[in-house]
């Protein structure tokens, strides 16, 4: 799903929530939940849209209607060899629109 598709689906009320996934190295990826599954948001080349910060995501998403928006912090400890699988991530609700604007 690219940004124009995301806008169309959001305007139609088909997006359940947006998740901004925080990865190591200061990279953020955006996923949209629709139809019970996550859809990665892609750039114009078809690659995962990489964002630099929460504010950068808000700037990119400023024209969308208000949606549930969450910051997801993943845990690298889930990937350790020999360790049982666990969900140690953190999901924090955040505002889609900045309080600074």
PDB file of N, CA and C in Angstrom:
ATOM      1  N   UNK A   1       0.852  -1.162   0.000  1.00  0.00           N
ATOM      2  CA  UNK A   1       0.000   0.000   0.000  1.00  0.00           C
ATOM      3  C   UNK A   1       0.908   1.239   0.000  1.00  0.00           C
ATOM      4  N   UNK A   2       0.676   2.143  -0.948  1.00  0.00           N
ATOM      5  CA  UNK A   2       1.452   3.382  -0.978  1.00  0.00           C
ATOM      6  C   UNK A   2       0.662   4.501  -0.289  1.00  0.00           C
ATOM      7  N   UNK A   3       1.235   5.682  -0.202  1.00  0.00           N
ATOM      8  CA  UNK A   3       0.578   6.782   0.509  1.00  0.00           C
ATOM      9  C   UNK A   3      -0.760   7.203  -0.116  1.00  0.00           C
ATOM     10  N   UNK A   4      -0.861   7.309  -1.465  1.00  0.00           N
ATOM     11  CA  UNK A   4      -2.179   7.637  -2.025  1.00  0.00           C
ATOM     12  C   UNK A   4      -3.237   6.574  -1.698  1.00  0.00           C
ATOM     13  N   UNK A   5      -2.854   5.292  -1.741  1.00  0.00           N
ATOM     14  CA  UNK A   5      -3.787   4.215  -1.371  1.00  0.00           C
ATOM     15  C   UNK A   5      -4.198   4.337   0.091  1.00  0.00           C
ATOM     16  N   UNK A   6      -3.224   4.621   0.952  1.00  0.00           N
ATOM     17  CA  UNK A   6      -3.502   4.786   2.378  1.00  0.00           C
ATOM     18  C   UNK A   6      -4.521   5.908   2.584  1.00  0.00           C
ATOM     19  N   UNK A   7      -4.343   7.009   1.888  1.00  0.00           N
ATOM     20  CA  UNK A   7      -5.259   8.141   2.015  1.00  0.00           C
ATOM     21  C   UNK A   7      -6.679   7.757   1.579  1.00  0.00           C
ATOM     22  N   UNK A   8      -6.781   7.044   0.469  1.00  0.00           N
ATOM     23  CA  UNK A   8      -8.095   6.621  -0.030  1.00  0.00           C
ATOM     24  C   UNK A   8      -8.777   5.700   0.976  1.00  0.00           C
ATOM     25  N   UNK A   9      -8.049   4.710   1.481  1.00  0.00           N
ATOM     26  CA  UNK A   9      -8.620   3.765   2.447  1.00  0.00           C
ATOM     27  C   UNK A   9      -8.972   4.461   3.769  1.00  0.00           C
ATOM     28  N   UNK A  10      -8.134   5.408   4.188  1.00  0.00           N
ATOM     29  CA  UNK A  10      -8.408   6.136   5.436  1.00  0.00           C
ATOM     30  C   UNK A  10      -9.663   6.994   5.295  1.00  0.00           C
ATOM     31  N   UNK A  11      -9.785   7.692   4.178  1.00  0.00           N
ATOM     32  CA  UNK A  11     -10.966   8.533   3.942  1.00  0.00           C
ATOM     33  C   UNK A  11     -12.246   7.697   3.898  1.00  0.00           C
ATOM     34  N   UNK A  12     -12.126   6.457   3.421  1.00  0.00           N
ATOM     35  CA  UNK A  12     -13.284   5.559   3.323  1.00  0.00           C
ATOM     36  C   UNK A  12     -13.574   4.839   4.635  1.00  0.00           C
ATOM     37  N   UNK A  13     -12.714   5.043   5.640  1.00  0.00           N
ATOM     38  CA  UNK A  13     -12.932   4.430   6.944  1.00  0.00           C
ATOM     39  C   UNK A  13     -12.524   2.970   7.032  1.00  0.00           C
ATOM     40  N   UNK A  14     -11.668   2.518   6.125  1.00  0.00           N
ATOM     41  CA  UNK A  14     -11.258   1.108   6.111  1.00  0.00           C
ATOM     42  C   UNK A  14     -10.002   0.819   6.928  1.00  0.00           C
ATOM     43  N   UNK A  15      -9.305   1.852   7.385  1.00  0.00           N
ATOM     44  CA  UNK A  15      -8.076   1.655   8.160  1.00  0.00           C
ATOM     45  C   UNK A  15      -8.445   1.589   9.638  1.00  0.00           C
ATOM     46  N   UNK A  16      -8.124   0.464  10.281  1.00  0.00           N
ATOM     47  CA  UNK A  16      -8.437   0.282  11.703  1.00  0.00           C
ATOM     48  C   UNK A  16      -7.448   1.043  12.582  1.00  0.00           C
ATOM     49  N   UNK A  17      -6.163   1.005  12.221  1.00  0.00           N
ATOM     50  CA  UNK A  17      -5.137   1.725  12.990  1.00  0.00           C
ATOM     51  C   UNK A  17      -3.872   1.828  12.167  1.00  0.00           C
ATOM     52  N   UNK A  18      -3.035   2.771  12.556  1.00  0.00           N
ATOM     53  CA  UNK A  18      -1.699   2.934  11.976  1.00  0.00           C
ATOM     54  C   UNK A  18      -0.674   2.649  13.055  1.00  0.00           C
ATOM     55  N   UNK A  19       0.372   1.919  12.680  1.00  0.00           N
ATOM     56  CA  UNK A  19       1.458   1.640  13.611  1.00  0.00           C
ATOM     57  C   UNK A  19       2.762   2.164  13.040  1.00  0.00           C
ATOM     58  N   UNK A  20       3.472   2.927  13.839  1.00  0.00           N
ATOM     59  CA  UNK A  20       4.797   3.401  13.487  1.00  0.00           C
ATOM     60  C   UNK A  20       5.781   2.508  14.230  1.00  0.00           C
ATOM     61  N   UNK A  21       6.476   1.665  13.480  1.00  0.00           N
ATOM     62  CA  UNK A  21       7.349   0.647  14.067  1.00  0.00           C
ATOM     63  C   UNK A  21       8.760   1.202  14.180  1.00  0.00           C
ATOM     64  N   UNK A  22       9.261   1.280  15.404  1.00  0.00           N
ATOM     65  CA  UNK A  22      10.601   1.795  15.674  1.00  0.00           C
ATOM     66  C   UNK A  22      11.602   0.645  15.597  1.00  0.00           C
ATOM     67  N   UNK A  23      12.610   0.802  14.728  1.00  0.00           N
ATOM     68  CA  UNK A  23      13.656  -0.206  14.581  1.00  0.00           C
ATOM     69  C   UNK A  23      14.987   0.358  15.042  1.00  0.00           C
ATOM     70  N   UNK A  24      15.943  -0.525  15.242  1.00  0.00           N
ATOM     71  CA  UNK A  24      17.281  -0.067  15.624  1.00  0.00           C
ATOM     72  C   UNK A  24      17.845   0.846  14.545  1.00  0.00           C
ATOM     73  N   UNK A  25      18.642   1.799  14.942  1.00  0.00           N
ATOM     74  CA  UNK A  25      19.290   2.697  14.005  1.00  0.00           C
ATOM     75  C   UNK A  25      18.468   3.923  13.659  1.00  0.00           C
ATOM     76  N   UNK A  26      17.406   4.178  14.415  1.00  0.00           N
ATOM     77  CA  UNK A  26      16.612   5.373  14.182  1.00  0.00           C
ATOM     78  C   UNK A  26      15.745   5.311  12.941  1.00  0.00           C
ATOM     79  N   UNK A  27      15.345   4.109  12.544  1.00  0.00           N
ATOM     80  CA  UNK A  27      14.477   3.937  11.383  1.00  0.00           C
ATOM     81  C   UNK A  27      13.074   3.614  11.873  1.00  0.00           C
ATOM     82  N   UNK A  28      12.094   4.218  11.236  1.00  0.00           N
ATOM     83  CA  UNK A  28      10.693   3.964  11.550  1.00  0.00           C
ATOM     84  C   UNK A  28       9.989   3.501  10.282  1.00  0.00           C
ATOM     85  N   UNK A  29       9.190   2.460  10.410  1.00  0.00           N
ATOM     86  CA  UNK A  29       8.384   1.962   9.301  1.00  0.00           C
ATOM     87  C   UNK A  29       6.918   2.116   9.669  1.00  0.00           C
ATOM     88  N   UNK A  30       6.087   2.309   8.675  1.00  0.00           N
ATOM     89  CA  UNK A  30       4.667   2.526   8.909  1.00  0.00           C
ATOM     90  C   UNK A  30       3.880   1.329   8.389  1.00  0.00           C
ATOM     91  N   UNK A  31       2.930   0.858   9.200  1.00  0.00           N
ATOM     92  CA  UNK A  31       2.035  -0.201   8.753  1.00  0.00           C
ATOM     93  C   UNK A  31       0.602   0.215   9.047  1.00  0.00           C
ATOM     94  N   UNK A  32      -0.279  -0.126   8.117  1.00  0.00           N
ATOM     95  CA  UNK A  32      -1.705   0.188   8.251  1.00  0.00           C
ATOM     96  C   UNK A  32      -2.467  -1.119   8.435  1.00  0.00           C
ATOM     97  N   UNK A  33      -3.326  -1.161   9.458  1.00  0.00           N
ATOM     98  CA  UNK A  33      -4.149  -2.344   9.697  1.00  0.00           C
ATOM     99  C   UNK A  33      -5.473  -2.178   8.984  1.00  0.00           C
ATOM    100  N   UNK A  34      -5.751  -3.129   8.096  1.00  0.00           N
ATOM    101  CA  UNK A  34      -6.992  -3.113   7.326  1.00  0.00           C
ATOM    102  C   UNK A  34      -7.385  -4.567   7.058  1.00  0.00           C
ATOM    103  N   UNK A  35      -8.639  -4.880   7.264  1.00  0.00           N
ATOM    104  CA  UNK A  35      -9.103  -6.235   7.002  1.00  0.00           C
ATOM    105  C   UNK A  35      -8.478  -7.276   7.904  1.00  0.00           C
ATOM    106  N   UNK A  36      -8.103  -6.872   9.115  1.00  0.00           N
ATOM    107  CA  UNK A  36      -7.546  -7.818  10.073  1.00  0.00           C
ATOM    108  C   UNK A  36      -6.078  -8.157   9.885  1.00  0.00           C
ATOM    109  N   UNK A  37      -5.379  -7.449   9.014  1.00  0.00           N
ATOM    110  CA  UNK A  37      -3.946  -7.711   8.847  1.00  0.00           C
ATOM    111  C   UNK A  37      -3.178  -6.417   8.565  1.00  0.00           C
ATOM    112  N   UNK A  38      -1.886  -6.484   8.816  1.00  0.00           N
ATOM    113  CA  UNK A  38      -1.020  -5.319   8.620  1.00  0.00           C
ATOM    114  C   UNK A  38      -0.586  -5.220   7.162  1.00  0.00           C
ATOM    115  N   UNK A  39      -0.618  -4.005   6.643  1.00  0.00           N
ATOM    116  CA  UNK A  39      -0.154  -3.715   5.292  1.00  0.00           C
ATOM    117  C   UNK A  39       0.986  -2.711   5.412  1.00  0.00           C
ATOM    118  N   UNK A  40       2.189  -3.070   4.979  1.00  0.00           N
ATOM    119  CA  UNK A  40       3.284  -2.092   5.037  1.00  0.00           C
ATOM    120  C   UNK A  40       3.013  -0.937   4.079  1.00  0.00           C
ATOM    121  N   UNK A  41       3.378   0.256   4.501  1.00  0.00           N
ATOM    122  CA  UNK A  41       3.238   1.428   3.640  1.00  0.00           C
ATOM    123  C   UNK A  41       4.530   1.563   2.849  1.00  0.00           C
ATOM    124  N   UNK A  42       4.392   1.679   1.527  1.00  0.00           N
ATOM    125  CA  UNK A  42       5.533   1.664   0.615  1.00  0.00           C
ATOM    126  C   UNK A  42       5.785   3.043   0.012  1.00  0.00           C
ATOM    127  N   UNK A  43       7.032   3.271  -0.394  1.00  0.00           N
ATOM    128  CA  UNK A  43       7.369   4.524  -1.074  1.00  0.00           C
ATOM    129  C   UNK A  43       7.053   4.397  -2.565  1.00  0.00           C
ATOM    130  N   UNK A  44       7.403   5.393  -3.334  1.00  0.00           N
ATOM    131  CA  UNK A  44       7.070   5.424  -4.766  1.00  0.00           C
ATOM    132  C   UNK A  44       7.802   4.349  -5.570  1.00  0.00           C
ATOM    133  N   UNK A  45       8.879   3.784  -5.013  1.00  0.00           N
ATOM    134  CA  UNK A  45       9.632   2.724  -5.701  1.00  0.00           C
ATOM    135  C   UNK A  45       9.169   1.328  -5.295  1.00  0.00           C
ATOM    136  N   UNK A  46       8.211   1.261  -4.361  1.00  0.00           N
ATOM    137  CA  UNK A  46       7.723  -0.037  -3.913  1.00  0.00           C
ATOM    138  C   UNK A  46       8.494  -0.616  -2.738  1.00  0.00           C
ATOM    139  N   UNK A  47       9.419   0.152  -2.177  1.00  0.00           N
ATOM    140  CA  UNK A  47      10.175  -0.278  -0.993  1.00  0.00           C
ATOM    141  C   UNK A  47       9.476   0.261   0.257  1.00  0.00           C
ATOM    142  N   UNK A  48       9.791  -0.325   1.389  1.00  0.00           N
ATOM    143  CA  UNK A  48       9.200   0.135   2.648  1.00  0.00           C
ATOM    144  C   UNK A  48       9.510   1.616   2.854  1.00  0.00           C
ATOM    145  N   UNK A  49       8.482   2.379   3.194  1.00  0.00           N
ATOM    146  CA  UNK A  49       8.637   3.808   3.457  1.00  0.00           C
ATOM    147  C   UNK A  49       9.396   3.971   4.770  1.00  0.00           C
ATOM    148  N   UNK A  50      10.581   4.579   4.702  1.00  0.00           N
ATOM    149  CA  UNK A  50      11.411   4.781   5.896  1.00  0.00           C
ATOM    150  C   UNK A  50      11.234   6.211   6.384  1.00  0.00           C
ATOM    151  N   UNK A  51      10.885   6.326   7.662  1.00  0.00           N
ATOM    152  CA  UNK A  51      10.689   7.635   8.279  1.00  0.00           C
ATOM    153  C   UNK A  51      11.768   7.852   9.327  1.00  0.00           C
ATOM    154  N   UNK A  52      12.065   9.114   9.628  1.00  0.00           N
ATOM    155  CA  UNK A  52      13.173   9.445  10.532  1.00  0.00           C
ATOM    156  C   UNK A  52      12.748   9.653  11.974  1.00  0.00           C
ATOM    157  N   UNK A  53      11.460   9.939  12.190  1.00  0.00           N
ATOM    158  CA  UNK A  53      11.006  10.253  13.540  1.00  0.00           C
ATOM    159  C   UNK A  53       9.481  10.235  13.591  1.00  0.00           C
ATOM    160  N   UNK A  54       8.944  10.378  14.787  1.00  0.00           N
ATOM    161  CA  UNK A  54       7.496  10.492  14.953  1.00  0.00           C
ATOM    162  C   UNK A  54       7.005  11.760  14.253  1.00  0.00           C
ATOM    163  N   UNK A  55       7.718  12.852  14.402  1.00  0.00           N
ATOM    164  CA  UNK A  55       7.313  14.113  13.757  1.00  0.00           C
ATOM    165  C   UNK A  55       7.358  14.007  12.243  1.00  0.00           C
ATOM    166  N   UNK A  56       8.352  13.296  11.712  1.00  0.00           N
ATOM    167  CA  UNK A  56       8.415  13.089  10.264  1.00  0.00           C
ATOM    168  C   UNK A  56       7.182  12.301   9.805  1.00  0.00           C
ATOM    169  N   UNK A  57       6.788  11.283  10.557  1.00  0.00           N
ATOM    170  CA  UNK A  57       5.584  10.508  10.232  1.00  0.00           C
ATOM    171  C   UNK A  57       4.354  11.405  10.270  1.00  0.00           C
ATOM    172  N   UNK A  58       4.265  12.245  11.282  1.00  0.00           N
ATOM    173  CA  UNK A  58       3.114  13.154  11.377  1.00  0.00           C
ATOM    174  C   UNK A  58       3.054  14.099  10.183  1.00  0.00           C
ATOM    175  N   UNK A  59       4.216  14.586   9.742  1.00  0.00           N
ATOM    176  CA  UNK A  59       4.252  15.464   8.567  1.00  0.00           C
ATOM    177  C   UNK A  59       3.748  14.739   7.324  1.00  0.00           C
ATOM    178  N   UNK A  60       4.185  13.500   7.141  1.00  0.00           N
ATOM    179  CA  UNK A  60       3.785  12.704   5.980  1.00  0.00           C
ATOM    180  C   UNK A  60       2.287  12.391   6.021  1.00  0.00           C
ATOM    181  N   UNK A  61       1.743  12.199   7.228  1.00  0.00           N
ATOM    182  CA  UNK A  61       0.347  11.776   7.396  1.00  0.00           C
ATOM    183  C   UNK A  61      -0.615  12.924   7.701  1.00  0.00           C
ATOM    184  N   UNK A  62      -0.177  14.155   7.588  1.00  0.00           N
ATOM    185  CA  UNK A  62      -0.967  15.299   8.041  1.00  0.00           C
ATOM    186  C   UNK A  62      -2.327  15.442   7.366  1.00  0.00           C
ATOM    187  N   UNK A  63      -2.487  14.937   6.155  1.00  0.00           N
ATOM    188  CA  UNK A  63      -3.759  15.094   5.447  1.00  0.00           C
ATOM    189  C   UNK A  63      -4.747  13.960   5.713  1.00  0.00           C
ATOM    190  N   UNK A  64      -4.350  12.974   6.518  1.00  0.00           N
ATOM    191  CA  UNK A  64      -5.258  11.864   6.834  1.00  0.00           C
ATOM    192  C   UNK A  64      -6.263  12.275   7.905  1.00  0.00           C
ATOM    193  N   UNK A  65      -7.429  11.630   7.912  1.00  0.00           N
ATOM    194  CA  UNK A  65      -8.365  11.863   9.023  1.00  0.00           C
ATOM    195  C   UNK A  65      -7.766  11.284  10.304  1.00  0.00           C
ATOM    196  N   UNK A  66      -8.305  11.672  11.428  1.00  0.00           N
ATOM    197  CA  UNK A  66      -7.804  11.166  12.709  1.00  0.00           C
ATOM    198  C   UNK A  66      -8.066   9.664  12.781  1.00  0.00           C
ATOM    199  N   UNK A  67      -7.003   8.921  13.076  1.00  0.00           N
ATOM    200  CA  UNK A  67      -7.047   7.462  13.192  1.00  0.00           C
ATOM    201  C   UNK A  67      -6.323   7.046  14.456  1.00  0.00           C
ATOM    202  N   UNK A  68      -6.620   5.864  14.988  1.00  0.00           N
ATOM    203  CA  UNK A  68      -5.787   5.354  16.077  1.00  0.00           C
ATOM    204  C   UNK A  68      -4.354   5.194  15.561  1.00  0.00           C
ATOM    205  N   UNK A  69      -3.397   5.735  16.293  1.00  0.00           N
ATOM    206  CA  UNK A  69      -1.996   5.774  15.858  1.00  0.00           C
ATOM    207  C   UNK A  69      -1.143   5.312  17.027  1.00  0.00           C
ATOM    208  N   UNK A  70      -0.270   4.341  16.767  1.00  0.00           N
ATOM    209  CA  UNK A  70       0.543   3.750  17.833  1.00  0.00           C
ATOM    210  C   UNK A  70       2.010   3.733  17.443  1.00  0.00           C
ATOM    211  N   UNK A  71       2.859   3.932  18.437  1.00  0.00           N
ATOM    212  CA  UNK A  71       4.293   3.762  18.292  1.00  0.00           C
ATOM    213  C   UNK A  71       4.633   2.387  18.836  1.00  0.00           C
ATOM    214  N   UNK A  72       5.250   1.547  18.005  1.00  0.00           N
ATOM    215  CA  UNK A  72       5.637   0.197  18.419  1.00  0.00           C
ATOM    216  C   UNK A  72       7.148   0.120  18.562  1.00  0.00           C
ATOM    217  N   UNK A  73       7.598  -0.245  19.744  1.00  0.00           N
ATOM    218  CA  UNK A  73       9.015  -0.504  19.979  1.00  0.00           C
ATOM    219  C   UNK A  73       9.188  -2.014  20.004  1.00  0.00           C
ATOM    220  N   UNK A  74      10.011  -2.527  19.117  1.00  0.00           N
ATOM    221  CA  UNK A  74      10.265  -3.962  19.087  1.00  0.00           C
ATOM    222  C   UNK A  74      11.446  -4.281  19.987  1.00  0.00           C
ATOM    223  N   UNK A  75      11.568  -5.538  20.327  1.00  0.00           N
ATOM    224  CA  UNK A  75      12.660  -5.968  21.199  1.00  0.00           C
ATOM    225  C   UNK A  75      13.565  -6.928  20.440  1.00  0.00           C
ATOM    226  N   UNK A  76      14.856  -6.605  20.386  1.00  0.00           N
ATOM    227  CA  UNK A  76      15.807  -7.484  19.701  1.00  0.00           C
ATOM    228  C   UNK A  76      16.042  -8.766  20.493  1.00  0.00           C
ATOM    229  N   UNK A  77      15.686  -8.788  21.759  1.00  0.00           N
ATOM    230  CA  UNK A  77      15.903  -9.973  22.580  1.00  0.00           C
ATOM    231  C   UNK A  77      15.036 -11.140  22.131  1.00  0.00           C
ATOM    232  N   UNK A  78      13.973 -10.866  21.377  1.00  0.00           N
ATOM    233  CA  UNK A  78      13.125 -11.934  20.850  1.00  0.00           C
ATOM    234  C   UNK A  78      13.845 -12.755  19.791  1.00  0.00           C
ATOM    235  N   UNK A  79      14.938 -12.217  19.248  1.00  0.00           N
ATOM    236  CA  UNK A  79      15.621 -12.875  18.150  1.00  0.00           C
ATOM    237  C   UNK A  79      16.855 -13.656  18.597  1.00  0.00           C
ATOM    238  N   UNK A  80      17.089 -13.765  19.876  1.00  0.00           N
ATOM    239  CA  UNK A  80      18.274 -14.465  20.355  1.00  0.00           C
ATOM    240  C   UNK A  80      18.137 -15.965  20.125  1.00  0.00           C
ATOM    241  N   UNK A  81      19.190 -16.583  19.668  1.00  0.00           N
ATOM    242  CA  UNK A  81      19.185 -18.017  19.388  1.00  0.00           C
ATOM    243  C   UNK A  81      18.978 -18.811  20.669  1.00  0.00           C
ATOM    244  N   UNK A  82      18.128 -19.804  20.591  1.00  0.00           N
ATOM    245  CA  UNK A  82      17.904 -20.691  21.714  1.00  0.00           C
ATOM    246  C   UNK A  82      16.948 -20.174  22.763  1.00  0.00           C
ATOM    247  N   UNK A  83      16.461 -18.950  22.599  1.00  0.00           N
ATOM    248  CA  UNK A  83      15.548 -18.375  23.579  1.00  0.00           C
ATOM    249  C   UNK A  83      14.112 -18.637  23.129  1.00  0.00           C
ATOM    250  N   UNK A  84      13.205 -18.870  24.084  1.00  0.00           N
ATOM    251  CA  UNK A  84      11.807 -19.053  23.697  1.00  0.00           C
ATOM    252  C   UNK A  84      11.239 -17.756  23.128  1.00  0.00           C
ATOM    253  N   UNK A  85      10.315 -17.901  22.206  1.00  0.00           N
ATOM    254  CA  UNK A  85       9.696 -16.735  21.587  1.00  0.00           C
ATOM    255  C   UNK A  85       8.777 -16.029  22.580  1.00  0.00           C
ATOM    256  N   UNK A  86       8.874 -14.725  22.615  1.00  0.00           N
ATOM    257  CA  UNK A  86       8.022 -13.928  23.503  1.00  0.00           C
ATOM    258  C   UNK A  86       7.776 -12.584  22.844  1.00  0.00           C
ATOM    259  N   UNK A  87       6.674 -11.961  23.197  1.00  0.00           N
ATOM    260  CA  UNK A  87       6.375 -10.635  22.680  1.00  0.00           C
ATOM    261  C   UNK A  87       6.762  -9.615  23.746  1.00  0.00           C
ATOM    262  N   UNK A  88       7.959  -9.057  23.607  1.00  0.00           N
ATOM    263  CA  UNK A  88       8.452  -8.079  24.571  1.00  0.00           C
ATOM    264  C   UNK A  88       8.368  -6.660  24.016  1.00  0.00           C
ATOM    265  N   UNK A  89       7.581  -6.460  22.974  1.00  0.00           N
ATOM    266  CA  UNK A  89       7.447  -5.140  22.384  1.00  0.00           C
ATOM    267  C   UNK A  89       6.567  -4.238  23.233  1.00  0.00           C
ATOM    268  N   UNK A  90       6.598  -2.972  22.903  1.00  0.00           N
ATOM    269  CA  UNK A  90       5.827  -1.963  23.618  1.00  0.00           C
ATOM    270  C   UNK A  90       4.978  -1.205  22.601  1.00  0.00           C
ATOM    271  N   UNK A  91       3.675  -1.086  22.857  1.00  0.00           N
ATOM    272  CA  UNK A  91       2.757  -0.382  21.966  1.00  0.00           C
ATOM    273  C   UNK A  91       2.178   0.811  22.723  1.00  0.00           C
ATOM    274  N   UNK A  92       2.524   2.016  22.253  1.00  0.00           N
ATOM    275  CA  UNK A  92       2.141   3.248  22.934  1.00  0.00           C
ATOM    276  C   UNK A  92       1.238   4.087  22.026  1.00  0.00           C
ATOM    277  N   UNK A  93       0.039   4.456  22.495  1.00  0.00           N
ATOM    278  CA  UNK A  93      -0.805   5.334  21.670  1.00  0.00           C
ATOM    279  C   UNK A  93      -0.207   6.736  21.605  1.00  0.00           C
ATOM    280  N   UNK A  94      -0.197   7.300  20.408  1.00  0.00           N
ATOM    281  CA  UNK A  94       0.292   8.667  20.222  1.00  0.00           C
ATOM    282  C   UNK A  94      -0.710   9.418  19.349  1.00  0.00           C
ATOM    283  N   UNK A  95      -0.593  10.718  19.329  1.00  0.00           N
ATOM    284  CA  UNK A  95      -1.489  11.557  18.530  1.00  0.00           C
ATOM    285  C   UNK A  95      -1.016  11.576  17.076  1.00  0.00           C
ATOM    286  N   UNK A  96      -1.954  11.499  16.163  1.00  0.00           N
ATOM    287  CA  UNK A  96      -1.614  11.577  14.745  1.00  0.00           C
ATOM    288  C   UNK A  96      -1.170  12.982  14.367  1.00  0.00           C
ATOM    289  N   UNK A  97      -1.679  13.973  15.067  1.00  0.00           N
ATOM    290  CA  UNK A  97      -1.326  15.357  14.773  1.00  0.00           C
ATOM    291  C   UNK A  97      -0.535  15.951  15.931  1.00  0.00           C
ATOM    292  N   UNK A  98       0.491  16.691  15.611  1.00  0.00           N
ATOM    293  CA  UNK A  98       1.389  17.254  16.604  1.00  0.00           C
ATOM    294  C   UNK A  98       0.712  18.341  17.435  1.00  0.00           C
ATOM    295  N   UNK A  99       1.072  18.366  18.702  1.00  0.00           N
ATOM    296  CA  UNK A  99       0.581  19.419  19.581  1.00  0.00           C
ATOM    297  C   UNK A  99       1.312  20.736  19.300  1.00  0.00           C
ATOM    298  N   UNK A 100       2.385  20.696  18.530  1.00  0.00           N
ATOM    299  CA  UNK A 100       3.207  21.876  18.253  1.00  0.00           C
ATOM    300  C   UNK A 100       2.678  22.689  17.082  1.00  0.00           C
ATOM    301  N   UNK A 101       1.747  22.138  16.320  1.00  0.00           N
ATOM    302  CA  UNK A 101       1.295  22.889  15.133  1.00  0.00           C
ATOM    303  C   UNK A 101      -0.002  23.616  15.396  1.00  0.00           C
TER     304      UNK A 101
END
